[in-house]
Amino acid sequence: RGIGYFPYVQAFNTGWNQGTNTGVLLGGVTDPNLTWETSQITNIGLDFAFLNNRIEGSVEWFDKESVDLLYDQPLPMSTGNDAITTNVGSIANQGWEFMIRTRNIVSR
């Protein structure tokens, strides 16, 4: 569905008339505090080699945290809108990565 180009603009729809009275409806609910999603990433690594580069490897630790994730939060249909785009989520990933490589036979 996407958030569109202007998810922060409050819009109204017309044309929902009742008799001679002009009707106006809320076109969509907006969150005035809507912000960009942000991420913080830390990555620390070490590369190594032994025995004239016959054994090589690396060890790496990473930590990534994303906050203010955008989400279409459901609303009761009695409001006339089914959702509001807002910042409600966060996610964190962290872990280790290991790599080792060997050259067992070295010949001419």
PDB file of N, CA and C in Angstrom:
ATOM      1  N   ARG A   1       0.828  -1.189   0.000  1.00  0.00           N
ATOM      2  CA  ARG A   1       0.000   0.000   0.000  1.00  0.00           C
ATOM      3  C   ARG A   1       0.862   1.238   0.000  1.00  0.00           C
ATOM      4  N   GLY A   2       1.969   1.262   0.726  1.00  0.00           N
ATOM      5  CA  GLY A   2       2.854   2.417   0.730  1.00  0.00           C
ATOM      6  C   GLY A   2       2.283   3.570   1.521  1.00  0.00           C
ATOM      7  N   ILE A   3       3.112   4.559   1.798  1.00  0.00           N
ATOM      8  CA  ILE A   3       2.644   5.693   2.587  1.00  0.00           C
ATOM      9  C   ILE A   3       2.353   6.914   1.732  1.00  0.00           C
ATOM     10  N   GLY A   4       2.631   6.836   0.440  1.00  0.00           N
ATOM     11  CA  GLY A   4       2.347   7.962  -0.441  1.00  0.00           C
ATOM     12  C   GLY A   4       3.404   9.045  -0.299  1.00  0.00           C
ATOM     13  N   TYR A   5       3.205  10.141  -1.011  1.00  0.00           N
ATOM     14  CA  TYR A   5       4.169  11.231  -0.995  1.00  0.00           C
ATOM     15  C   TYR A   5       3.995  12.179   0.193  1.00  0.00           C
ATOM     16  N   PHE A   6       2.785  12.317   0.699  1.00  0.00           N
ATOM     17  CA  PHE A   6       2.514  13.280   1.763  1.00  0.00           C
ATOM     18  C   PHE A   6       1.668  12.637   2.866  1.00  0.00           C
ATOM     19  N   PRO A   7       2.224  11.706   3.642  1.00  0.00           N
ATOM     20  CA  PRO A   7       1.420  11.029   4.664  1.00  0.00           C
ATOM     21  C   PRO A   7       1.076  11.924   5.854  1.00  0.00           C
ATOM     22  N   TYR A   8       1.656  13.111   5.921  1.00  0.00           N
ATOM     23  CA  TYR A   8       1.437  14.022   7.042  1.00  0.00           C
ATOM     24  C   TYR A   8       0.387  15.095   6.733  1.00  0.00           C
ATOM     25  N   VAL A   9      -0.163  15.129   5.502  1.00  0.00           N
ATOM     26  CA  VAL A   9      -1.132  16.152   5.105  1.00  0.00           C
ATOM     27  C   VAL A   9      -2.549  15.663   5.399  1.00  0.00           C
ATOM     28  N   GLN A  10      -3.272  16.463   6.166  1.00  0.00           N
ATOM     29  CA  GLN A  10      -4.667  16.135   6.479  1.00  0.00           C
ATOM     30  C   GLN A  10      -5.530  16.505   5.271  1.00  0.00           C
ATOM     31  N   ALA A  11      -6.247  15.535   4.703  1.00  0.00           N
ATOM     32  CA  ALA A  11      -7.056  15.764   3.508  1.00  0.00           C
ATOM     33  C   ALA A  11      -8.538  15.549   3.812  1.00  0.00           C
ATOM     34  N   PHE A  12      -9.360  16.190   3.002  1.00  0.00           N
ATOM     35  CA  PHE A  12     -10.812  16.044   3.124  1.00  0.00           C
ATOM     36  C   PHE A  12     -11.380  15.729   1.752  1.00  0.00           C
ATOM     37  N   ASN A  13     -12.469  14.966   1.720  1.00  0.00           N
ATOM     38  CA  ASN A  13     -13.160  14.626   0.481  1.00  0.00           C
ATOM     39  C   ASN A  13     -14.526  15.297   0.468  1.00  0.00           C
ATOM     40  N   THR A  14     -14.939  15.767  -0.687  1.00  0.00           N
ATOM     41  CA  THR A  14     -16.262  16.364  -0.833  1.00  0.00           C
ATOM     42  C   THR A  14     -17.099  15.502  -1.760  1.00  0.00           C
ATOM     43  N   GLY A  15     -18.366  15.844  -1.860  1.00  0.00           N
ATOM     44  CA  GLY A  15     -19.242  15.139  -2.782  1.00  0.00           C
ATOM     45  C   GLY A  15     -20.204  14.186  -2.094  1.00  0.00           C
ATOM     46  N   TRP A  16     -20.112  14.077  -0.791  1.00  0.00           N
ATOM     47  CA  TRP A  16     -21.037  13.217  -0.050  1.00  0.00           C
ATOM     48  C   TRP A  16     -22.205  14.095   0.424  1.00  0.00           C
ATOM     49  N   ASN A  17     -23.032  14.458  -0.536  1.00  0.00           N
ATOM     50  CA  ASN A  17     -24.110  15.398  -0.261  1.00  0.00           C
ATOM     51  C   ASN A  17     -25.347  14.686   0.281  1.00  0.00           C
ATOM     52  N   GLN A  18     -26.092  15.448   1.076  1.00  0.00           N
ATOM     53  CA  GLN A  18     -27.381  14.963   1.560  1.00  0.00           C
ATOM     54  C   GLN A  18     -28.401  16.047   1.221  1.00  0.00           C
ATOM     55  N   GLY A  19     -29.183  15.758   0.201  1.00  0.00           N
ATOM     56  CA  GLY A  19     -30.130  16.755  -0.284  1.00  0.00           C
ATOM     57  C   GLY A  19     -29.388  17.943  -0.871  1.00  0.00           C
ATOM     58  N   THR A  20     -29.681  19.128  -0.373  1.00  0.00           N
ATOM     59  CA  THR A  20     -29.015  20.336  -0.870  1.00  0.00           C
ATOM     60  C   THR A  20     -27.804  20.708  -0.022  1.00  0.00           C
ATOM     61  N   ASN A  21     -27.512  19.936   0.989  1.00  0.00           N
ATOM     62  CA  ASN A  21     -26.360  20.214   1.861  1.00  0.00           C
ATOM     63  C   ASN A  21     -25.102  19.523   1.321  1.00  0.00           C
ATOM     64  N   THR A  22     -24.036  20.312   1.212  1.00  0.00           N
ATOM     65  CA  THR A  22     -22.771  19.762   0.736  1.00  0.00           C
ATOM     66  C   THR A  22     -22.138  18.937   1.843  1.00  0.00           C
ATOM     67  N   GLY A  23     -21.643  17.775   1.447  1.00  0.00           N
ATOM     68  CA  GLY A  23     -21.013  16.899   2.430  1.00  0.00           C
ATOM     69  C   GLY A  23     -19.501  16.940   2.328  1.00  0.00           C
ATOM     70  N   VAL A  24     -18.846  16.857   3.464  1.00  0.00           N
ATOM     71  CA  VAL A  24     -17.385  16.807   3.531  1.00  0.00           C
ATOM     72  C   VAL A  24     -17.015  15.689   4.502  1.00  0.00           C
ATOM     73  N   LEU A  25     -16.068  14.858   4.078  1.00  0.00           N
ATOM     74  CA  LEU A  25     -15.601  13.764   4.925  1.00  0.00           C
ATOM     75  C   LEU A  25     -14.098  13.871   5.122  1.00  0.00           C
ATOM     76  N   LEU A  26     -13.646  13.358   6.234  1.00  0.00           N
ATOM     77  CA  LEU A  26     -12.218  13.278   6.490  1.00  0.00           C
ATOM     78  C   LEU A  26     -11.615  12.289   5.507  1.00  0.00           C
ATOM     79  N   GLY A  27     -10.637  12.727   4.714  1.00  0.00           N
ATOM     80  CA  GLY A  27     -10.039  11.871   3.692  1.00  0.00           C
ATOM     81  C   GLY A  27      -9.044  10.877   4.232  1.00  0.00           C
ATOM     82  N   GLY A  28      -8.485  11.127   5.364  1.00  0.00           N
ATOM     83  CA  GLY A  28      -7.515  10.231   5.975  1.00  0.00           C
ATOM     84  C   GLY A  28      -7.011  10.827   7.270  1.00  0.00           C
ATOM     85  N   VAL A  29      -6.744   9.987   8.233  1.00  0.00           N
ATOM     86  CA  VAL A  29      -6.241  10.444   9.518  1.00  0.00           C
ATOM     87  C   VAL A  29      -4.718  10.553   9.419  1.00  0.00           C
ATOM     88  N   THR A  30      -4.149  11.626   9.929  1.00  0.00           N
ATOM     89  CA  THR A  30      -2.701  11.798   9.888  1.00  0.00           C
ATOM     90  C   THR A  30      -2.134  11.945  11.290  1.00  0.00           C
ATOM     91  N   ASP A  31      -0.901  11.520  11.445  1.00  0.00           N
ATOM     92  CA  ASP A  31      -0.185  11.646  12.713  1.00  0.00           C
ATOM     93  C   ASP A  31       0.698  12.886  12.630  1.00  0.00           C
ATOM     94  N   PRO A  32       0.435  13.918  13.428  1.00  0.00           N
ATOM     95  CA  PRO A  32       1.246  15.140  13.348  1.00  0.00           C
ATOM     96  C   PRO A  32       2.681  14.924  13.832  1.00  0.00           C
ATOM     97  N   ASN A  33       2.956  13.839  14.534  1.00  0.00           N
ATOM     98  CA  ASN A  33       4.297  13.559  15.055  1.00  0.00           C
ATOM     99  C   ASN A  33       5.054  12.541  14.199  1.00  0.00           C
ATOM    100  N   LEU A  34       4.612  12.305  12.968  1.00  0.00           N
ATOM    101  CA  LEU A  34       5.250  11.335  12.078  1.00  0.00           C
ATOM    102  C   LEU A  34       6.687  11.757  11.776  1.00  0.00           C
ATOM    103  N   THR A  35       7.634  10.810  11.924  1.00  0.00           N
ATOM    104  CA  THR A  35       9.048  11.102  11.685  1.00  0.00           C
ATOM    105  C   THR A  35       9.652  10.041  10.779  1.00  0.00           C
ATOM    106  N   TRP A  36      10.891  10.262  10.351  1.00  0.00           N
ATOM    107  CA  TRP A  36      11.627   9.293   9.553  1.00  0.00           C
ATOM    108  C   TRP A  36      12.024   8.114  10.425  1.00  0.00           C
ATOM    109  N   GLU A  37      12.125   6.950   9.802  1.00  0.00           N
ATOM    110  CA  GLU A  37      12.719   5.802  10.474  1.00  0.00           C
ATOM    111  C   GLU A  37      14.219   6.063  10.634  1.00  0.00           C
ATOM    112  N   THR A  38      14.789   5.638  11.748  1.00  0.00           N
ATOM    113  CA  THR A  38      16.218   5.835  11.970  1.00  0.00           C
ATOM    114  C   THR A  38      16.882   4.522  12.361  1.00  0.00           C
ATOM    115  N   SER A  39      18.172   4.411  12.030  1.00  0.00           N
ATOM    116  CA  SER A  39      18.940   3.208  12.351  1.00  0.00           C
ATOM    117  C   SER A  39      20.287   3.602  12.930  1.00  0.00           C
ATOM    118  N   GLN A  40      20.761   2.759  13.831  1.00  0.00           N
ATOM    119  CA  GLN A  40      22.103   2.919  14.378  1.00  0.00           C
ATOM    120  C   GLN A  40      22.822   1.597  14.210  1.00  0.00           C
ATOM    121  N   ILE A  41      24.006   1.633  13.590  1.00  0.00           N
ATOM    122  CA  ILE A  41      24.737   0.407  13.273  1.00  0.00           C
ATOM    123  C   ILE A  41      26.140   0.480  13.861  1.00  0.00           C
ATOM    124  N   THR A  42      26.532  -0.607  14.542  1.00  0.00           N
ATOM    125  CA  THR A  42      27.897  -0.762  15.036  1.00  0.00           C
ATOM    126  C   THR A  42      28.446  -2.057  14.463  1.00  0.00           C
ATOM    127  N   ASN A  43      29.665  -1.995  13.941  1.00  0.00           N
ATOM    128  CA  ASN A  43      30.277  -3.167  13.311  1.00  0.00           C
ATOM    129  C   ASN A  43      31.758  -3.163  13.668  1.00  0.00           C
ATOM    130  N   ILE A  44      32.219  -4.206  14.368  1.00  0.00           N
ATOM    131  CA  ILE A  44      33.616  -4.302  14.775  1.00  0.00           C
ATOM    132  C   ILE A  44      34.152  -5.631  14.273  1.00  0.00           C
ATOM    133  N   GLY A  45      35.312  -5.586  13.596  1.00  0.00           N
ATOM    134  CA  GLY A  45      35.848  -6.813  13.032  1.00  0.00           C
ATOM    135  C   GLY A  45      37.353  -6.909  13.162  1.00  0.00           C
ATOM    136  N   LEU A  46      37.841  -8.125  12.998  1.00  0.00           N
ATOM    137  CA  LEU A  46      39.266  -8.409  13.048  1.00  0.00           C
ATOM    138  C   LEU A  46      39.597  -9.429  11.972  1.00  0.00           C
ATOM    139  N   ASP A  47      40.546  -9.100  11.106  1.00  0.00           N
ATOM    140  CA  ASP A  47      41.033 -10.028  10.092  1.00  0.00           C
ATOM    141  C   ASP A  47      42.390 -10.547  10.550  1.00  0.00           C
ATOM    142  N   PHE A  48      42.688 -11.822  10.269  1.00  0.00           N
ATOM    143  CA  PHE A  48      43.954 -12.394  10.707  1.00  0.00           C
ATOM    144  C   PHE A  48      44.473 -13.403   9.687  1.00  0.00           C
ATOM    145  N   ALA A  49      45.786 -13.679   9.764  1.00  0.00           N
ATOM    146  CA  ALA A  49      46.428 -14.678   8.911  1.00  0.00           C
ATOM    147  C   ALA A  49      47.623 -15.253   9.670  1.00  0.00           C
ATOM    148  N   PHE A  50      47.839 -16.574   9.520  1.00  0.00           N
ATOM    149  CA  PHE A  50      48.946 -17.272  10.173  1.00  0.00           C
ATOM    150  C   PHE A  50      49.678 -18.139   9.159  1.00  0.00           C
ATOM    151  N   LEU A  51      50.895 -18.529   9.522  1.00  0.00           N
ATOM    152  CA  LEU A  51      51.680 -19.497   8.758  1.00  0.00           C
ATOM    153  C   LEU A  51      51.813 -19.096   7.283  1.00  0.00           C
ATOM    154  N   ASN A  52      52.333 -17.898   7.083  1.00  0.00           N
ATOM    155  CA  ASN A  52      52.553 -17.389   5.725  1.00  0.00           C
ATOM    156  C   ASN A  52      51.245 -17.365   4.911  1.00  0.00           C
ATOM    157  N   ASN A  53      50.168 -16.922   5.536  1.00  0.00           N
ATOM    158  CA  ASN A  53      48.826 -16.784   4.939  1.00  0.00           C
ATOM    159  C   ASN A  53      48.189 -18.115   4.539  1.00  0.00           C
ATOM    160  N   ARG A  54      48.632 -19.213   5.114  1.00  0.00           N
ATOM    161  CA  ARG A  54      47.992 -20.504   4.822  1.00  0.00           C
ATOM    162  C   ARG A  54      46.695 -20.661   5.613  1.00  0.00           C
ATOM    163  N   ILE A  55      46.591 -19.973   6.733  1.00  0.00           N
ATOM    164  CA  ILE A  55      45.340 -19.944   7.507  1.00  0.00           C
ATOM    165  C   ILE A  55      44.928 -18.479   7.629  1.00  0.00           C
ATOM    166  N   GLU A  56      43.750 -18.176   7.091  1.00  0.00           N
ATOM    167  CA  GLU A  56      43.225 -16.812   7.129  1.00  0.00           C
ATOM    168  C   GLU A  56      41.818 -16.847   7.721  1.00  0.00           C
ATOM    169  N   GLY A  57      41.409 -15.722   8.270  1.00  0.00           N
ATOM    170  CA  GLY A  57      40.053 -15.674   8.808  1.00  0.00           C
ATOM    171  C   GLY A  57      39.666 -14.291   9.263  1.00  0.00           C
ATOM    172  N   SER A  58      38.459 -14.212   9.754  1.00  0.00           N
ATOM    173  CA  SER A  58      37.949 -12.956  10.314  1.00  0.00           C
ATOM    174  C   SER A  58      36.896 -13.263  11.361  1.00  0.00           C
ATOM    175  N   VAL A  59      36.793 -12.349  12.302  1.00  0.00           N
ATOM    176  CA  VAL A  59      35.775 -12.394  13.353  1.00  0.00           C
ATOM    177  C   VAL A  59      35.113 -11.022  13.349  1.00  0.00           C
ATOM    178  N   GLU A  60      33.792 -11.009  13.401  1.00  0.00           N
ATOM    179  CA  GLU A  60      33.072  -9.742  13.308  1.00  0.00           C
ATOM    180  C   GLU A  60      31.868  -9.761  14.243  1.00  0.00           C
ATOM    181  N   TRP A  61      31.639  -8.644  14.937  1.00  0.00           N
ATOM    182  CA  TRP A  61      30.460  -8.473  15.782  1.00  0.00           C
ATOM    183  C   TRP A  61      29.669  -7.287  15.232  1.00  0.00           C
ATOM    184  N   PHE A  62      28.342  -7.453  15.137  1.00  0.00           N
ATOM    185  CA  PHE A  62      27.502  -6.368  14.615  1.00  0.00           C
ATOM    186  C   PHE A  62      26.310  -6.141  15.533  1.00  0.00           C
ATOM    187  N   ASP A  63      25.843  -4.907  15.524  1.00  0.00           N
ATOM    188  CA  ASP A  63      24.666  -4.519  16.314  1.00  0.00           C
ATOM    189  C   ASP A  63      23.920  -3.456  15.507  1.00  0.00           C
ATOM    190  N   LYS A  64      22.674  -3.730  15.150  1.00  0.00           N
ATOM    191  CA  LYS A  64      21.867  -2.778  14.381  1.00  0.00           C
ATOM    192  C   LYS A  64      20.530  -2.608  15.087  1.00  0.00           C
ATOM    193  N   GLU A  65      20.168  -1.353  15.320  1.00  0.00           N
ATOM    194  CA  GLU A  65      18.877  -1.049  15.929  1.00  0.00           C
ATOM    195  C   GLU A  65      18.148  -0.032  15.061  1.00  0.00           C
ATOM    196  N   SER A  66      16.930  -0.355  14.666  1.00  0.00           N
ATOM    197  CA  SER A  66      16.087   0.549  13.884  1.00  0.00           C
ATOM    198  C   SER A  66      14.896   0.945  14.754  1.00  0.00           C
ATOM    199  N   VAL A  67      14.607   2.240  14.806  1.00  0.00           N
ATOM    200  CA  VAL A  67      13.510   2.742  15.627  1.00  0.00           C
ATOM    201  C   VAL A  67      12.591   3.627  14.784  1.00  0.00           C
ATOM    202  N   ASP A  68      11.436   3.926  15.329  1.00  0.00           N
ATOM    203  CA  ASP A  68      10.413   4.754  14.672  1.00  0.00           C
ATOM    204  C   ASP A  68       9.980   4.151  13.338  1.00  0.00           C
ATOM    205  N   LEU A  69       9.848   2.820  13.291  1.00  0.00           N
ATOM    206  CA  LEU A  69       9.426   2.167  12.057  1.00  0.00           C
ATOM    207  C   LEU A  69       8.000   2.567  11.715  1.00  0.00           C
ATOM    208  N   LEU A  70       7.755   2.783  10.424  1.00  0.00           N
ATOM    209  CA  LEU A  70       6.425   3.176   9.960  1.00  0.00           C
ATOM    210  C   LEU A  70       5.499   1.973   9.896  1.00  0.00           C
ATOM    211  N   TYR A  71       4.252   2.185  10.283  1.00  0.00           N
ATOM    212  CA  TYR A  71       3.270   1.106  10.313  1.00  0.00           C
ATOM    213  C   TYR A  71       1.886   1.705  10.134  1.00  0.00           C
ATOM    214  N   ASP A  72       1.047   1.019   9.375  1.00  0.00           N
ATOM    215  CA  ASP A  72      -0.354   1.427   9.254  1.00  0.00           C
ATOM    216  C   ASP A  72      -1.128   0.801  10.414  1.00  0.00           C
ATOM    217  N   GLN A  73      -1.263   1.561  11.487  1.00  0.00           N
ATOM    218  CA  GLN A  73      -1.955   1.078  12.687  1.00  0.00           C
ATOM    219  C   GLN A  73      -3.457   1.054  12.418  1.00  0.00           C
ATOM    220  N   PRO A  74      -4.098  -0.095  12.626  1.00  0.00           N
ATOM    221  CA  PRO A  74      -5.542  -0.193  12.350  1.00  0.00           C
ATOM    222  C   PRO A  74      -6.366   0.730  13.249  1.00  0.00           C
ATOM    223  N   LEU A  75      -7.438   1.248  12.682  1.00  0.00           N
ATOM    224  CA  LEU A  75      -8.396   2.076  13.413  1.00  0.00           C
ATOM    225  C   LEU A  75      -9.782   1.436  13.310  1.00  0.00           C
ATOM    226  N   PRO A  76     -10.670   1.715  14.253  1.00  0.00           N
ATOM    227  CA  PRO A  76     -12.035   1.212  14.128  1.00  0.00           C
ATOM    228  C   PRO A  76     -12.702   1.798  12.880  1.00  0.00           C
ATOM    229  N   MET A  77     -13.443   0.987  12.156  1.00  0.00           N
ATOM    230  CA  MET A  77     -14.106   1.457  10.936  1.00  0.00           C
ATOM    231  C   MET A  77     -15.141   2.539  11.238  1.00  0.00           C
ATOM    232  N   SER A  78     -15.574   2.646  12.484  1.00  0.00           N
ATOM    233  CA  SER A  78     -16.539   3.691  12.844  1.00  0.00           C
ATOM    234  C   SER A  78     -15.931   5.089  12.711  1.00  0.00           C
ATOM    235  N   THR A  79     -14.607   5.199  12.625  1.00  0.00           N
ATOM    236  CA  THR A  79     -13.963   6.499  12.427  1.00  0.00           C
ATOM    237  C   THR A  79     -14.035   6.946  10.973  1.00  0.00           C
ATOM    238  N   GLY A  80     -14.382   6.022  10.071  1.00  0.00           N
ATOM    239  CA  GLY A  80     -14.419   6.342   8.655  1.00  0.00           C
ATOM    240  C   GLY A  80     -13.081   6.093   7.970  1.00  0.00           C
ATOM    241  N   ASN A  81     -12.089   5.657   8.724  1.00  0.00           N
ATOM    242  CA  ASN A  81     -10.760   5.341   8.190  1.00  0.00           C
ATOM    243  C   ASN A  81     -10.328   4.001   8.772  1.00  0.00           C
ATOM    244  N   ASP A  82      -9.616   3.230   7.963  1.00  0.00           N
ATOM    245  CA  ASP A  82      -9.237   1.899   8.434  1.00  0.00           C
ATOM    246  C   ASP A  82      -7.864   1.859   9.102  1.00  0.00           C
ATOM    247  N   ALA A  83      -7.015   2.920   8.908  1.00  0.00           N
ATOM    248  CA  ALA A  83      -5.675   2.900   9.490  1.00  0.00           C
ATOM    249  C   ALA A  83      -5.086   4.304   9.544  1.00  0.00           C
ATOM    250  N   ILE A  84      -4.058   4.462  10.375  1.00  0.00           N
ATOM    251  CA  ILE A  84      -3.283   5.695  10.453  1.00  0.00           C
ATOM    252  C   ILE A  84      -1.813   5.305  10.339  1.00  0.00           C
ATOM    253  N   THR A  85      -1.073   5.996   9.470  1.00  0.00           N
ATOM    254  CA  THR A  85       0.357   5.751   9.325  1.00  0.00           C
ATOM    255  C   THR A  85       1.076   6.453  10.467  1.00  0.00           C
ATOM    256  N   THR A  86       1.808   5.678  11.262  1.00  0.00           N
ATOM    257  CA  THR A  86       2.457   6.231  12.442  1.00  0.00           C
ATOM    258  C   THR A  86       3.753   5.486  12.733  1.00  0.00           C
ATOM    259  N   ASN A  87       4.543   6.023  13.641  1.00  0.00           N
ATOM    260  CA  ASN A  87       5.794   5.385  14.062  1.00  0.00           C
ATOM    261  C   ASN A  87       5.503   4.536  15.295  1.00  0.00           C
ATOM    262  N   VAL A  88       5.518   3.226  15.142  1.00  0.00           N
ATOM    263  CA  VAL A  88       5.205   2.377  16.290  1.00  0.00           C
ATOM    264  C   VAL A  88       6.201   1.260  16.534  1.00  0.00           C
ATOM    265  N   GLY A  89       7.072   0.986  15.591  1.00  0.00           N
ATOM    266  CA  GLY A  89       7.897  -0.206  15.720  1.00  0.00           C
ATOM    267  C   GLY A  89       9.360   0.059  15.946  1.00  0.00           C
ATOM    268  N   SER A  90      10.030  -0.980  16.426  1.00  0.00           N
ATOM    269  CA  SER A  90      11.485  -0.979  16.527  1.00  0.00           C
ATOM    270  C   SER A  90      11.960  -2.421  16.401  1.00  0.00           C
ATOM    271  N   ILE A  91      13.192  -2.578  15.950  1.00  0.00           N
ATOM    272  CA  ILE A  91      13.751  -3.913  15.790  1.00  0.00           C
ATOM    273  C   ILE A  91      15.255  -3.816  16.044  1.00  0.00           C
ATOM    274  N   ALA A  92      15.808  -4.869  16.630  1.00  0.00           N
ATOM    275  CA  ALA A  92      17.244  -4.907  16.901  1.00  0.00           C
ATOM    276  C   ALA A  92      17.796  -6.246  16.426  1.00  0.00           C
ATOM    277  N   ASN A  93      18.946  -6.193  15.771  1.00  0.00           N
ATOM    278  CA  ASN A  93      19.663  -7.388  15.326  1.00  0.00           C
ATOM    279  C   ASN A  93      21.093  -7.268  15.820  1.00  0.00           C
ATOM    280  N   GLN A  94      21.603  -8.361  16.359  1.00  0.00           N
ATOM    281  CA  GLN A  94      23.004  -8.377  16.733  1.00  0.00           C
ATOM    282  C   GLN A  94      23.522  -9.792  16.666  1.00  0.00           C
ATOM    283  N   GLY A  95      24.815  -9.911  16.450  1.00  0.00           N
ATOM    284  CA  GLY A  95      25.373 -11.245  16.371  1.00  0.00           C
ATOM    285  C   GLY A  95      26.831 -11.244  15.979  1.00  0.00           C
ATOM    286  N   TRP A  96      27.333 -12.449  15.790  1.00  0.00           N
ATOM    287  CA  TRP A  96      28.728 -12.688  15.443  1.00  0.00           C
ATOM    288  C   TRP A  96      28.803 -13.332  14.069  1.00  0.00           C
ATOM    289  N   GLU A  97      29.870 -13.034  13.346  1.00  0.00           N
ATOM    290  CA  GLU A  97      30.159 -13.707  12.089  1.00  0.00           C
ATOM    291  C   GLU A  97      31.600 -14.192  12.143  1.00  0.00           C
ATOM    292  N   PHE A  98      31.809 -15.434  11.715  1.00  0.00           N
ATOM    293  CA  PHE A  98      33.139 -16.029  11.700  1.00  0.00           C
ATOM    294  C   PHE A  98      33.424 -16.563  10.303  1.00  0.00           C
ATOM    295  N   MET A  99      34.682 -16.433   9.879  1.00  0.00           N
ATOM    296  CA  MET A  99      35.090 -16.997   8.601  1.00  0.00           C
ATOM    297  C   MET A  99      36.519 -17.500   8.770  1.00  0.00           C
ATOM    298  N   ILE A 100      36.770 -18.713   8.256  1.00  0.00           N
ATOM    299  CA  ILE A 100      38.126 -19.249   8.262  1.00  0.00           C
ATOM    300  C   ILE A 100      38.373 -19.929   6.919  1.00  0.00           C
ATOM    301  N   ARG A 101      39.588 -19.747   6.404  1.00  0.00           N
ATOM    302  CA  ARG A 101      39.951 -20.333   5.116  1.00  0.00           C
ATOM    303  C   ARG A 101      41.371 -20.873   5.247  1.00  0.00           C
ATOM    304  N   THR A 102      41.579 -22.066   4.709  1.00  0.00           N
ATOM    305  CA  THR A 102      42.920 -22.658   4.753  1.00  0.00           C
ATOM    306  C   THR A 102      43.352 -23.073   3.357  1.00  0.00           C
ATOM    307  N   ARG A 103      44.654 -23.044   3.144  1.00  0.00           N
ATOM    308  CA  ARG A 103      45.259 -23.602   1.939  1.00  0.00           C
ATOM    309  C   ARG A 103      46.122 -24.765   2.423  1.00  0.00           C
ATOM    310  N   ASN A 104      45.609 -25.970   2.289  1.00  0.00           N
ATOM    311  CA  ASN A 104      46.261 -27.140   2.846  1.00  0.00           C
ATOM    312  C   ASN A 104      47.447 -27.618   2.011  1.00  0.00           C
ATOM    313  N   ILE A 105      47.393 -27.422   0.716  1.00  0.00           N
ATOM    314  CA  ILE A 105      48.478 -27.858  -0.152  1.00  0.00           C
ATOM    315  C   ILE A 105      49.006 -26.655  -0.913  1.00  0.00           C
ATOM    316  N   VAL A 106      50.286 -26.403  -0.748  1.00  0.00           N
ATOM    317  CA  VAL A 106      50.941 -25.323  -1.477  1.00  0.00           C
ATOM    318  C   VAL A 106      52.106 -25.936  -2.216  1.00  0.00           C
ATOM    319  N   SER A 107      52.017 -25.950  -3.547  1.00  0.00           N
ATOM    320  CA  SER A 107      53.102 -26.544  -4.356  1.00  0.00           C
ATOM    321  C   SER A 107      53.279 -25.724  -5.635  1.00  0.00           C
ATOM    322  N   ARG A 108      54.380 -25.997  -6.329  1.00  0.00           N
ATOM    323  CA  ARG A 108      54.645 -25.306  -7.581  1.00  0.00           C
ATOM    324  C   ARG A 108      53.918 -26.030  -8.648  1.00  0.00           C
TER     325      ARG A 108
END
